[in-house]
């Protein structure tokens, strides 16, 4: 269990060493992630869960007990309804504003409440991403005796808490400070059920009782904090949670590094009041997504912007997501943040290709390893291990490029035409020996994912082979283009080609005829697909029916 930090340690390893230095004698190390179920929990939120899981794994591998708590802020008030809410509720937004997310009904009618509707996909699919976690809802937490007693302590000593909050915020240049008579508690109105600070104002404290006035229903009332019908404001809720749950690690957006932020006030409260240090963090930049129409957008739960866990699993392997989280280099996790991450619906294949590359590095494929230095190799090997949902495979799996899978998804039925699929894999060079059941299962899975990706996000990748070649299309080709396609037909007839071999043959033909590569590829795509571009030509030719391809090329090449 040595904790000496090496110069080139992966950022997860760096974080774990810091955890062990800061909290050396914990019986169980606690990693916390959080989510507010106000809308779809997306891949940006999944980043927190994945980072926690990486730290948990590292601690466990080093022999320490560790747990991961996903805290659901289900007692936060609803501020606005999601844009994708059922139409009949759009005009009723004001009726729902201010209610806790766990007290609202599920507007879609499929779960016990609003919060559970959005937490359910995480509960169902976290394990599919290899993430082990315990889900803790705020309503349950706020009824715990430990929390109740800390709330009572805060209320009885609120002047000390107000002084710390105002001092830290004032030092950061904030002008708006908390008044001396501020009551740091958010009660839930007994009459109308709202909790929002703009709606329900606490008025007095009497032991475990807090009085209030509700500006919505115009009623005065009283809540007992032991019933869990209220909570601390965020700047005190957060450090109280760290203290009660013994949180040792929590990943955070880099905006929390700002002076006077809730993280800044939280760690001051934690240290000065409860004599405990703040959790170690891995900081990260925002996660963006490029929409199908090309706009770069920040992921948003309310606007439904960003893929959910279930939606990612339809189009790409979970390991690819994890790898793209863990592949980065951070020299010092204390002073730097993971870079912003840009998803592009139309370029999901790049993320999968990058994972496949990492897998080749892990299995020490010479052509790949020779291109990188040892420090990069170590980082990528670590990232690959952290990306695995289960144990890593014992040998390099059959790797089917995502874009080629997209082609195959449109020219065959992988389940009904298994022999043809295997034949194409042989012809293209991806399969040289017999195929294992596991490799075949994974190949079929990737083809299904690529098919779904085209259906949902990339219709421009759809193949539409021209059944009958228009005369005018043939006439539009130059003599050199027709000659090149005729030579390509002869080459296809002469022998069996792998994809790489055929790709190299293209350039032999281009050179012999005196064509530009642009003229050659445009001519080939035009006579096959009726457009000037398409998927990788060698893979396309080898996946289509061989006799049909030769006949088409000969028809043009005459």
Protein backbone atom coordinates (compact mmCIF):
# COMPACT_ATOMS: atom_id res chain seq x y z
CA UNK A 1 0.00 0.00 0.00
CA UNK A 2 2.87 2.37 -0.77
CA UNK A 3 1.70 5.89 -1.57
CA UNK A 4 4.82 7.37 -3.22
CA UNK A 5 3.62 9.48 -6.13
CA UNK A 6 5.62 9.01 -9.32
CA UNK A 7 6.32 11.84 -11.75
CA UNK A 8 4.05 10.52 -14.48
CA UNK A 9 1.23 9.03 -12.43
CA UNK A 10 -2.18 8.96 -14.06
CA UNK A 11 -4.47 11.67 -12.69
CA UNK A 12 -6.65 9.07 -10.93
CA UNK A 13 -3.58 7.68 -9.17
CA UNK A 14 -2.54 11.22 -8.22
CA UNK A 15 -5.99 11.83 -6.69
CA UNK A 16 -5.84 8.60 -4.70
CA UNK A 17 -2.41 9.47 -3.27
CA UNK A 18 -3.79 12.86 -2.19
CA UNK A 19 -6.81 11.15 -0.57
CA UNK A 20 -4.56 8.83 1.42
CA UNK A 21 -2.33 11.73 2.50
CA UNK A 22 -5.27 13.93 3.54
CA UNK A 23 -7.35 11.17 5.15
CA UNK A 24 -4.85 8.50 6.29
CA UNK A 25 -6.95 6.45 8.69
CA UNK A 26 -10.42 6.05 7.20
CA UNK A 27 -12.09 2.67 7.64
CA UNK A 28 -14.04 3.21 4.42
CA UNK A 29 -13.19 5.83 1.80
CA UNK A 30 -16.22 7.63 0.39
CA UNK A 31 -16.45 8.99 -3.15
CA UNK A 32 -19.45 11.23 -3.78
CA UNK A 33 -21.07 12.36 -7.01
CA UNK A 34 -24.24 14.37 -7.23
CA UNK A 35 -27.12 15.00 -9.60
CA UNK A 36 -30.23 17.16 -9.55
CA UNK A 37 -33.09 15.25 -11.22
CA UNK A 38 -34.66 18.32 -12.81
CA UNK A 39 -34.37 16.80 -16.29
CA UNK A 40 -32.52 14.14 -18.27
CA UNK A 41 -29.31 13.03 -16.54
CA UNK A 42 -26.84 13.12 -19.42
CA UNK A 43 -23.27 12.22 -20.36
CA UNK A 44 -21.96 15.37 -18.69
CA UNK A 45 -23.37 14.13 -15.38
CA UNK A 46 -22.00 10.67 -16.14
CA UNK A 47 -18.51 12.20 -16.09
CA UNK A 48 -18.79 12.67 -12.30
CA UNK A 49 -19.95 9.08 -11.81
CA UNK A 50 -17.14 7.73 -14.00
CA UNK A 51 -14.42 9.70 -12.21
CA UNK A 52 -15.73 8.49 -8.85
CA UNK A 53 -15.68 4.93 -10.13
CA UNK A 54 -12.08 5.28 -11.29
CA UNK A 55 -10.98 6.50 -7.87
CA UNK A 56 -13.00 3.77 -6.13
CA UNK A 57 -11.33 1.10 -8.28
CA UNK A 58 -7.87 2.45 -7.58
CA UNK A 59 -8.49 2.50 -3.84
CA UNK A 60 -9.91 -1.03 -3.95
CA UNK A 61 -6.94 -2.29 -6.00
CA UNK A 62 -4.63 -0.87 -3.34
CA UNK A 63 -6.44 -2.84 -0.64
CA UNK A 64 -8.65 -0.11 0.84
CA UNK A 65 -12.39 -0.31 1.42
CA UNK A 66 -14.27 2.25 -0.63
CA UNK A 67 -17.80 3.19 -1.61
CA UNK A 68 -19.41 5.53 -4.14
CA UNK A 69 -22.52 7.50 -3.16
CA UNK A 70 -24.57 9.18 -5.86
CA UNK A 71 -26.45 11.90 -3.98
CA UNK A 72 -29.73 12.88 -5.61
CA UNK A 73 -30.76 16.45 -4.75
CA UNK A 74 -34.42 15.47 -4.89
CA UNK A 75 -35.53 18.15 -2.41
CA UNK A 76 -34.39 20.95 -4.66
CA UNK A 77 -37.30 23.03 -5.95
CA UNK A 78 -38.49 22.78 -9.52
CA UNK A 79 -37.59 26.04 -11.22
CA UNK A 80 -38.71 25.32 -14.77
CA UNK A 81 -40.20 22.32 -16.52
CA UNK A 82 -38.13 20.57 -19.19
CA UNK A 83 -38.90 21.60 -22.75
CA UNK A 84 -39.76 17.97 -23.56
CA UNK A 85 -42.49 17.65 -20.93
CA UNK A 86 -45.86 16.29 -22.20
CA UNK A 87 -47.76 19.08 -23.98
CA UNK A 88 -50.66 19.10 -21.55
CA UNK A 89 -48.35 20.32 -18.76
CA UNK A 90 -46.56 23.11 -20.63
CA UNK A 91 -49.10 25.76 -19.64
CA UNK A 92 -49.20 24.50 -16.04
CA UNK A 93 -45.55 25.30 -15.23
CA UNK A 94 -46.45 27.88 -12.58
CA UNK A 95 -48.53 25.27 -10.76
CA UNK A 96 -45.43 23.09 -10.30
CA UNK A 97 -42.74 25.72 -9.64
CA UNK A 98 -41.26 25.61 -6.16
CA UNK A 99 -42.24 22.03 -5.31
CA UNK A 100 -39.51 19.57 -4.37
CA UNK A 101 -38.62 17.24 -7.20
CA UNK A 102 -39.51 14.19 -5.14
CA UNK A 103 -42.92 15.58 -4.15
CA UNK A 104 -43.95 16.25 -7.74
CA UNK A 105 -45.78 13.48 -9.61
CA UNK A 106 -44.12 11.85 -12.60
CA UNK A 107 -45.61 13.87 -15.44
CA UNK A 108 -44.92 10.98 -17.82
CA UNK A 109 -46.85 8.58 -15.60
CA UNK A 110 -44.28 5.78 -15.41
CA UNK A 111 -42.53 6.26 -12.03
CA UNK A 112 -43.57 7.03 -8.49
CA UNK A 113 -42.43 10.68 -8.68
CA UNK A 114 -40.71 13.27 -10.84
CA UNK A 115 -37.23 12.69 -9.40
CA UNK A 116 -37.39 8.92 -9.83
CA UNK A 117 -38.35 9.36 -13.49
CA UNK A 118 -34.93 10.87 -14.24
CA UNK A 119 -32.92 8.78 -11.78
CA UNK A 120 -34.32 5.50 -13.11
CA UNK A 121 -32.06 5.32 -16.24
CA UNK A 122 -29.02 5.78 -14.00
CA UNK A 123 -30.22 3.07 -11.63
CA UNK A 124 -30.83 0.73 -14.59
CA UNK A 125 -27.67 1.42 -16.60
CA UNK A 126 -24.85 2.45 -14.21
CA UNK A 127 -23.75 -1.19 -14.01
CA UNK A 128 -23.66 -1.34 -17.83
CA UNK A 129 -20.91 1.28 -17.60
CA UNK A 130 -19.15 -0.74 -14.89
CA UNK A 131 -20.08 1.80 -12.22
CA UNK A 132 -20.76 0.59 -8.68
CA UNK A 133 -22.72 3.05 -6.57
CA UNK A 134 -25.27 3.58 -3.83
CA UNK A 135 -28.06 6.03 -4.63
CA UNK A 136 -29.06 8.32 -1.77
CA UNK A 137 -32.09 10.60 -2.14
CA UNK A 138 -32.14 13.90 -0.28
CA UNK A 139 -35.50 13.20 1.37
CA UNK A 140 -34.10 10.09 3.03
CA UNK A 141 -30.87 11.83 4.04
CA UNK A 142 -32.69 14.79 5.57
CA UNK A 143 -34.56 12.49 7.95
CA UNK A 144 -31.40 10.91 9.30
CA UNK A 145 -30.60 11.73 12.91
CA UNK A 146 -27.05 12.85 12.05
CA UNK A 147 -28.38 15.39 9.58
CA UNK A 148 -31.12 16.63 11.93
CA UNK A 149 -28.60 17.25 14.70
CA UNK A 150 -26.26 19.12 12.36
CA UNK A 151 -29.15 21.31 11.20
CA UNK A 152 -29.99 22.09 14.82
CA UNK A 153 -26.31 22.89 15.45
CA UNK A 154 -26.22 25.23 12.46
CA UNK A 155 -29.38 27.04 13.56
CA UNK A 156 -28.14 27.42 17.14
CA UNK A 157 -24.76 28.74 15.96
CA UNK A 158 -25.86 30.54 12.84
CA UNK A 159 -23.92 33.73 13.65
CA UNK A 160 -20.64 31.77 13.30
CA UNK A 161 -21.71 30.32 9.96
CA UNK A 162 -22.91 33.72 8.68
CA UNK A 163 -19.57 35.29 9.65
CA UNK A 164 -17.58 32.65 7.71
CA UNK A 165 -19.76 32.83 4.61
CA UNK A 166 -19.65 36.63 4.52
CA UNK A 167 -15.89 36.79 5.17
CA UNK A 168 -15.03 34.39 2.33
CA UNK A 169 -17.47 36.00 -0.09
CA UNK A 170 -16.39 39.51 0.81
CA UNK A 171 -12.72 38.60 0.26
CA UNK A 172 -13.68 37.42 -3.21
CA UNK A 173 -15.32 40.75 -4.01
CA UNK A 174 -18.96 39.83 -3.46
CA UNK A 175 -21.11 42.76 -2.35
CA UNK A 176 -24.29 40.86 -1.47
CA UNK A 177 -23.83 39.33 1.99
CA UNK A 178 -26.06 37.45 4.42
CA UNK A 179 -27.87 39.59 7.02
CA UNK A 180 -27.31 39.00 10.73
CA UNK A 181 -30.89 37.80 11.23
CA UNK A 182 -30.72 35.24 8.37
CA UNK A 183 -32.26 31.87 9.28
CA UNK A 184 -30.32 29.25 7.23
CA UNK A 185 -33.10 26.77 6.65
CA UNK A 186 -35.49 26.07 3.77
CA UNK A 187 -38.79 24.71 5.14
CA UNK A 188 -41.38 22.98 2.98
CA UNK A 189 -44.74 24.71 3.30
CA UNK A 190 -47.26 22.43 5.03
CA UNK A 191 -50.12 23.95 3.06
CA UNK A 192 -49.00 24.24 -0.56
CA UNK A 193 -45.86 22.04 -0.49
CA UNK A 194 -43.35 24.53 -1.87
CA UNK A 195 -39.76 24.89 -0.67
CA UNK A 196 -38.16 27.56 -2.89
CA UNK A 197 -36.44 30.46 -1.12
CA UNK A 198 -38.46 32.94 -3.17
CA UNK A 199 -41.68 31.33 -1.88
CA UNK A 200 -41.20 30.20 1.73
CA UNK A 201 -39.46 32.48 4.25
CA UNK A 202 -38.38 31.15 7.68
CA UNK A 203 -39.45 33.47 10.50
CA UNK A 204 -38.33 31.97 13.82
CA UNK A 205 -36.51 29.05 15.49
CA UNK A 206 -37.77 27.12 18.48
CA UNK A 207 -35.56 24.10 19.20
CA UNK A 208 -36.31 21.59 16.45
CA UNK A 209 -39.13 23.80 15.12
CA UNK A 210 -38.81 26.43 12.40
CA UNK A 211 -41.63 28.87 11.68
CA UNK A 212 -42.26 30.30 8.22
CA UNK A 213 -44.48 32.43 6.03
CA UNK A 214 -45.36 31.26 2.50
CA UNK A 215 -45.66 34.04 -0.08
CA UNK A 216 -47.55 31.75 -2.47
CA UNK A 217 -50.42 30.44 -0.36
CA UNK A 218 -50.11 33.35 2.15
CA UNK A 219 -50.09 30.91 5.11
CA UNK A 220 -47.96 30.88 8.24
CA UNK A 221 -46.78 27.54 9.55
CA UNK A 222 -44.19 25.56 11.44
CA UNK A 223 -42.07 22.51 10.50
CA UNK A 224 -40.16 20.07 12.68
CA UNK A 225 -36.70 19.51 11.20
CA UNK A 226 -36.83 15.90 12.48
CA UNK A 227 -39.49 15.16 9.85
CA UNK A 228 -37.10 15.99 7.01
CA UNK A 229 -39.52 18.55 5.54
CA UNK A 230 -36.83 21.08 4.74
CA UNK A 231 -33.09 21.46 4.33
CA UNK A 232 -30.10 23.74 4.74
CA UNK A 233 -29.29 26.23 1.97
CA UNK A 234 -26.71 24.89 -0.50
CA UNK A 235 -23.68 26.72 0.90
CA UNK A 236 -24.22 24.96 4.24
CA UNK A 237 -25.90 21.80 2.94
CA UNK A 238 -22.80 20.85 0.98
CA UNK A 239 -20.20 20.97 3.79
CA UNK A 240 -22.68 19.33 6.18
CA UNK A 241 -23.01 16.48 3.70
CA UNK A 242 -19.22 16.14 3.45
CA UNK A 243 -19.01 15.96 7.22
CA UNK A 244 -21.86 13.49 7.81
CA UNK A 245 -20.99 11.13 4.95
CA UNK A 246 -17.20 11.40 5.55
CA UNK A 247 -16.66 12.33 1.90
CA UNK A 248 -13.05 11.94 0.80
CA UNK A 249 -13.40 12.55 -2.93
CA UNK A 250 -15.80 14.46 -5.16
CA UNK A 251 -15.16 15.50 -8.80
CA UNK A 252 -16.10 19.10 -9.61
CA UNK A 253 -16.49 21.47 -12.52
CA UNK A 254 -13.58 23.89 -12.69
CA UNK A 255 -15.96 26.82 -12.05
CA UNK A 256 -15.83 25.75 -8.39
CA UNK A 257 -12.19 26.88 -8.31
CA UNK A 258 -13.38 30.50 -8.35
CA UNK A 259 -12.88 32.54 -5.18
CA UNK A 260 -16.09 32.87 -3.20
CA UNK A 261 -17.72 29.88 -4.87
CA UNK A 262 -19.86 27.43 -2.89
CA UNK A 263 -16.82 25.12 -2.81
CA UNK A 264 -14.70 27.96 -1.40
CA UNK A 265 -17.20 28.77 1.37
CA UNK A 266 -17.91 25.08 1.97
CA UNK A 267 -14.32 24.14 2.71
CA UNK A 268 -13.95 27.16 5.00
CA UNK A 269 -17.04 26.11 6.98
CA UNK A 270 -15.87 22.49 7.07
CA UNK A 271 -12.42 23.38 8.39
CA UNK A 272 -13.33 26.15 10.84
CA UNK A 273 -16.51 24.63 12.29
CA UNK A 274 -16.10 20.88 11.93
CA UNK A 275 -12.28 20.66 11.89
CA UNK A 276 -12.22 18.56 8.73
CA UNK A 277 -10.54 19.09 5.36
CA UNK A 278 -12.52 19.28 2.13
CA UNK A 279 -12.65 16.26 -0.20
CA UNK A 280 -9.97 15.79 -2.82
CA UNK A 281 -11.26 16.70 -6.27
CA UNK A 282 -10.55 16.08 -9.92
CA UNK A 283 -11.65 19.25 -11.69
CA UNK A 284 -13.01 19.31 -15.22
CA UNK A 285 -14.15 21.79 -17.84
CA UNK A 286 -17.65 21.90 -19.30
CA UNK A 287 -19.00 19.12 -21.51
CA UNK A 288 -20.47 20.29 -24.80
CA UNK A 289 -22.29 18.54 -27.60
CA UNK A 290 -22.51 19.43 -31.26
CA UNK A 291 -26.11 19.00 -32.33
CA UNK A 292 -27.13 17.28 -35.58
CA UNK A 293 -27.54 20.73 -37.18
CA UNK A 294 -23.94 21.67 -36.26
CA UNK A 295 -24.49 23.95 -33.25
CA UNK A 296 -22.13 23.64 -30.27
CA UNK A 297 -24.27 23.49 -27.13
CA UNK A 298 -23.68 23.04 -23.42
CA UNK A 299 -25.41 19.91 -22.19
CA UNK A 300 -28.62 20.72 -20.35
CA UNK A 301 -30.95 18.55 -18.29
CA UNK A 302 -33.90 20.89 -18.73
CA UNK A 303 -33.45 21.35 -22.46
CA UNK A 304 -32.77 17.66 -23.01
CA UNK A 305 -29.47 18.52 -24.69
CA UNK A 306 -27.05 15.62 -24.44
CA UNK A 307 -27.28 11.86 -24.62
CA UNK A 308 -28.61 9.92 -21.63
CA UNK A 309 -26.91 6.75 -20.42
CA UNK A 310 -29.43 4.55 -22.21
CA UNK A 311 -29.07 6.56 -25.42
CA UNK A 312 -25.26 6.18 -25.46
CA UNK A 313 -25.54 2.43 -25.03
CA UNK A 314 -27.69 2.26 -28.17
CA UNK A 315 -24.89 3.62 -30.36
CA UNK A 316 -21.52 2.97 -28.71
CA UNK A 317 -19.82 0.68 -26.17
CA UNK A 318 -19.59 1.96 -22.58
CA UNK A 319 -15.84 1.29 -22.61
CA UNK A 320 -15.44 3.96 -25.31
CA UNK A 321 -17.05 6.57 -23.07
CA UNK A 322 -14.89 5.59 -20.09
CA UNK A 323 -11.70 5.59 -22.16
CA UNK A 324 -12.34 9.11 -23.42
CA UNK A 325 -12.67 10.24 -19.79
CA UNK A 326 -9.48 8.58 -18.55
CA UNK A 327 -7.16 9.09 -21.54
CA UNK A 328 -6.15 12.66 -20.63
CA UNK A 329 -2.86 13.83 -19.18
CA UNK A 330 -2.83 16.02 -16.06
CA UNK A 331 0.62 16.84 -14.72
CA UNK A 332 -0.79 17.92 -11.34
CA UNK A 333 -4.38 17.13 -10.42
CA UNK A 334 -4.31 19.88 -7.77
CA UNK A 335 -3.70 22.74 -10.19
CA UNK A 336 -5.10 21.64 -13.55
CA UNK A 337 -8.45 20.46 -14.89
CA UNK A 338 -9.56 17.98 -17.51
CA UNK A 339 -10.11 19.84 -20.79
CA UNK A 340 -13.55 20.62 -22.14
CA UNK A 341 -15.10 17.69 -23.94
CA UNK A 342 -17.00 18.13 -27.17
CA UNK A 343 -19.37 15.40 -28.32
CA UNK A 344 -20.48 15.40 -31.93
CA UNK A 345 -23.52 13.28 -32.77
CA UNK A 346 -22.18 12.75 -36.28
CA UNK A 347 -18.65 11.77 -35.21
CA UNK A 348 -19.29 9.20 -32.52
CA UNK A 349 -17.05 6.90 -34.55
CA UNK A 350 -14.03 9.01 -33.55
CA UNK A 351 -14.57 8.22 -29.87
CA UNK A 352 -14.91 4.51 -30.64
CA UNK A 353 -11.87 4.57 -32.94
CA UNK A 354 -9.88 6.21 -30.15
CA UNK A 355 -10.87 3.44 -27.75
CA UNK A 356 -9.83 0.80 -30.30
CA UNK A 357 -6.46 2.57 -30.61
CA UNK A 358 -6.05 2.46 -26.83
CA UNK A 359 -6.82 -1.25 -26.92
CA UNK A 360 -4.05 -1.81 -29.46
CA UNK A 361 -1.64 0.13 -27.24
CA UNK A 362 -2.64 -2.03 -24.26
CA UNK A 363 -1.93 -5.18 -26.26
CA UNK A 364 1.40 -3.72 -27.36
CA UNK A 365 0.74 -3.72 -31.12
CA UNK A 366 4.18 -2.70 -32.38
CA UNK A 367 3.09 -0.38 -35.20
CA UNK A 368 1.09 1.66 -32.69
CA UNK A 369 3.44 1.56 -29.70
CA UNK A 370 6.43 2.65 -31.83
CA UNK A 371 4.66 5.96 -32.54
CA UNK A 372 4.42 7.09 -28.89
CA UNK A 373 6.82 7.58 -26.00
CA UNK A 374 6.84 5.48 -22.85
CA UNK A 375 5.00 8.02 -20.70
CA UNK A 376 2.10 8.19 -23.17
CA UNK A 377 2.04 4.39 -23.38
CA UNK A 378 1.78 4.07 -19.60
CA UNK A 379 -1.02 6.63 -19.45
CA UNK A 380 -2.99 4.94 -22.24
CA UNK A 381 -2.56 1.48 -20.71
CA UNK A 382 -3.88 2.85 -17.40
CA UNK A 383 -6.78 4.53 -19.20
CA UNK A 384 -7.64 1.27 -20.98
CA UNK A 385 -7.69 -0.66 -17.70
CA UNK A 386 -9.92 1.99 -16.10
CA UNK A 387 -12.23 1.90 -19.12
CA UNK A 388 -13.13 -1.77 -18.75
CA UNK A 389 -16.60 -2.70 -17.60
CA UNK A 390 -15.40 -6.20 -16.73
CA UNK A 391 -11.92 -7.74 -16.70
CA UNK A 392 -9.82 -6.84 -19.76
CA UNK A 393 -9.73 -9.48 -22.51
CA UNK A 394 -6.83 -11.92 -22.50
CA UNK A 395 -5.90 -11.15 -26.12
CA UNK A 396 -6.57 -8.43 -28.67
CA UNK A 397 -10.20 -8.75 -29.77
CA UNK A 398 -11.29 -8.58 -33.39
CA UNK A 399 -11.59 -4.84 -33.99
CA UNK A 400 -14.24 -3.82 -36.50
CA UNK A 401 -13.90 -0.09 -37.31
CA UNK A 402 -17.09 1.75 -36.46
CA UNK A 403 -17.50 3.29 -39.93
CA UNK A 404 -17.08 -0.10 -41.58
CA UNK A 405 -19.67 -1.47 -39.17
CA UNK A 406 -21.94 1.32 -40.41
CA UNK A 407 -21.46 0.05 -43.97
CA UNK A 408 -22.06 -3.57 -43.02
CA UNK A 409 -25.21 -2.60 -41.11
CA UNK A 410 -26.73 -1.54 -44.43
CA UNK A 411 -25.67 -4.41 -46.68
CA UNK A 412 -26.46 -7.45 -44.51
CA UNK A 413 -28.46 -8.77 -41.60
CA UNK A 414 -25.74 -9.80 -39.14
CA UNK A 415 -27.96 -12.34 -37.40
CA UNK A 416 -29.49 -14.00 -40.46
CA UNK A 417 -26.42 -13.72 -42.71
CA UNK A 418 -23.73 -14.80 -40.31
CA UNK A 419 -21.77 -16.77 -42.95
CA UNK A 420 -21.75 -13.78 -45.28
CA UNK A 421 -20.59 -11.54 -42.44
CA UNK A 422 -17.69 -13.89 -41.68
CA UNK A 423 -16.86 -14.06 -45.39
CA UNK A 424 -16.69 -10.26 -45.61
CA UNK A 425 -14.49 -10.11 -42.50
CA UNK A 426 -12.12 -12.55 -44.19
CA UNK A 427 -12.13 -10.68 -47.51
CA UNK A 428 -11.39 -7.39 -45.80
CA UNK A 429 -8.57 -8.84 -43.70
CA UNK A 430 -10.18 -8.32 -40.31
CA UNK A 431 -10.39 -12.09 -39.80
CA UNK A 432 -7.51 -14.42 -40.63
CA UNK A 433 -8.39 -17.46 -38.53
CA UNK A 434 -11.60 -18.87 -37.11
CA UNK A 435 -13.77 -16.43 -35.20
CA UNK A 436 -14.51 -16.93 -31.50
CA UNK A 437 -18.04 -16.71 -30.17
CA UNK A 438 -17.08 -13.64 -28.16
CA UNK A 439 -15.59 -11.83 -31.16
CA UNK A 440 -18.61 -12.67 -33.30
CA UNK A 441 -20.95 -11.44 -30.57
CA UNK A 442 -19.01 -8.17 -30.25
CA UNK A 443 -18.89 -7.64 -34.01
CA UNK A 444 -22.66 -8.09 -34.26
CA UNK A 445 -23.18 -5.72 -31.35
CA UNK A 446 -21.07 -3.02 -33.01
CA UNK A 447 -22.95 -3.40 -36.30
CA UNK A 448 -26.26 -2.97 -34.44
CA UNK A 449 -24.91 0.14 -32.70
CA UNK A 450 -23.70 1.65 -35.96
CA UNK A 451 -27.07 0.96 -37.60
CA UNK A 452 -28.85 2.73 -34.74
CA UNK A 453 -26.41 5.65 -34.96
CA UNK A 454 -27.24 6.15 -38.64
CA UNK A 455 -30.97 5.94 -37.95
CA UNK A 456 -30.89 8.48 -35.12
CA UNK A 457 -28.06 10.90 -35.82
CA UNK A 458 -26.30 10.38 -39.13
CA UNK A 459 -28.76 9.85 -42.00
CA UNK A 460 -26.14 11.19 -44.43
CA UNK A 461 -24.23 7.93 -43.86
CA UNK A 462 -27.09 5.95 -45.35
CA UNK A 463 -26.06 3.99 -48.45
CA UNK A 464 -28.31 3.95 -51.47
CA UNK A 465 -26.73 1.82 -54.15
CA UNK A 466 -27.81 2.76 -57.68
CA UNK A 467 -29.65 -0.25 -59.06
CA UNK A 468 -29.46 0.94 -62.68
CA UNK A 469 -26.69 3.19 -63.96
CA UNK A 470 -28.08 6.26 -65.79
CA UNK A 471 -26.58 6.75 -69.24
CA UNK A 472 -25.84 10.41 -68.53
CA UNK A 473 -23.79 9.44 -65.46
CA UNK A 474 -21.55 7.20 -67.53
CA UNK A 475 -21.22 9.91 -70.16
CA UNK A 476 -20.20 12.44 -67.50
CA UNK A 477 -17.05 10.44 -66.66
CA UNK A 478 -13.78 11.21 -68.41
CA UNK A 479 -12.01 8.58 -70.49
CA UNK A 480 -9.35 8.23 -67.78
CA UNK A 481 -11.98 7.74 -65.08
CA UNK A 482 -13.73 5.00 -67.09
CA UNK A 483 -10.40 3.30 -67.78
CA UNK A 484 -9.48 3.38 -64.08
CA UNK A 485 -12.79 1.79 -63.08
CA UNK A 486 -12.29 -0.91 -65.73
CA UNK A 487 -8.86 -1.68 -64.27
CA UNK A 488 -10.41 -1.81 -60.82
CA UNK A 489 -12.89 -4.43 -62.08
CA UNK A 490 -10.01 -6.50 -63.47
CA UNK A 491 -8.17 -6.25 -60.16
CA UNK A 492 -11.22 -7.42 -58.20
CA UNK A 493 -11.62 -10.43 -60.52
CA UNK A 494 -7.96 -11.40 -60.31
CA UNK A 495 -7.65 -12.30 -56.64
CA UNK A 496 -8.93 -11.96 -53.07
CA UNK A 497 -8.05 -8.63 -51.48
CA UNK A 498 -7.79 -7.38 -47.93
CA UNK A 499 -9.02 -3.85 -47.30
CA UNK A 500 -5.50 -2.43 -46.93
CA UNK A 501 -4.24 -4.25 -50.01
CA UNK A 502 -7.12 -2.98 -52.10
CA UNK A 503 -6.61 0.55 -50.83
CA UNK A 504 -2.98 0.41 -51.98
CA UNK A 505 -4.11 -0.99 -55.33
CA UNK A 506 -6.25 2.11 -55.87
CA UNK A 507 -3.09 4.19 -56.00
CA UNK A 508 -1.38 1.81 -58.39
CA UNK A 509 -4.34 2.26 -60.74
CA UNK A 510 -4.40 6.04 -60.22
CA UNK A 511 -0.71 6.25 -61.07
CA UNK A 512 -0.95 4.01 -64.13
CA UNK A 513 -3.85 5.97 -65.64
CA UNK A 514 -2.62 9.44 -64.69
CA UNK A 515 -5.67 10.43 -62.66
CA UNK A 516 -5.82 12.49 -59.49
CA UNK A 517 -6.98 10.59 -56.42
CA UNK A 518 -9.96 12.97 -56.18
CA UNK A 519 -11.07 12.10 -59.74
CA UNK A 520 -10.72 8.38 -59.09
CA UNK A 521 -12.67 8.27 -55.83
CA UNK A 522 -15.41 10.59 -57.08
CA UNK A 523 -15.93 8.38 -60.14
CA UNK A 524 -16.15 5.21 -58.04
CA UNK A 525 -18.66 6.70 -55.60
CA UNK A 526 -20.75 8.16 -58.41
CA UNK A 527 -21.24 4.84 -60.23
CA UNK A 528 -21.98 2.99 -56.98
CA UNK A 529 -23.89 5.52 -54.86
CA UNK A 530 -24.76 8.38 -57.19
CA UNK A 531 -22.80 10.94 -55.14
CA UNK A 532 -19.20 12.10 -54.99
CA UNK A 533 -18.34 10.79 -51.54
CA UNK A 534 -19.14 7.95 -49.19
CA UNK A 535 -17.65 5.51 -46.68
CA UNK A 536 -14.16 4.11 -47.14
CA UNK A 537 -14.15 2.79 -50.66
CA UNK A 538 -12.16 -0.40 -50.12
CA UNK A 539 -14.45 -1.54 -47.31
CA UNK A 540 -17.54 -0.63 -49.34
CA UNK A 541 -16.39 -2.62 -52.38
CA UNK A 542 -15.54 -5.66 -50.29
CA UNK A 543 -18.82 -5.60 -48.39
CA UNK A 544 -21.09 -5.39 -51.45
CA UNK A 545 -21.83 -8.45 -53.59
CA UNK A 546 -18.59 -9.11 -55.48
CA UNK A 547 -20.16 -10.10 -58.81
CA UNK A 548 -22.48 -7.08 -58.78
CA UNK A 549 -19.57 -4.69 -58.10
CA UNK A 550 -17.48 -6.18 -60.91
CA UNK A 551 -20.39 -6.02 -63.35
CA UNK A 552 -21.07 -2.37 -62.51
CA UNK A 553 -17.42 -1.36 -62.90
CA UNK A 554 -17.13 -3.27 -66.18
CA UNK A 555 -20.29 -1.57 -67.44
CA UNK A 556 -18.66 1.80 -66.92
CA UNK A 557 -15.20 0.75 -68.01
CA UNK A 558 -16.22 -0.46 -71.47
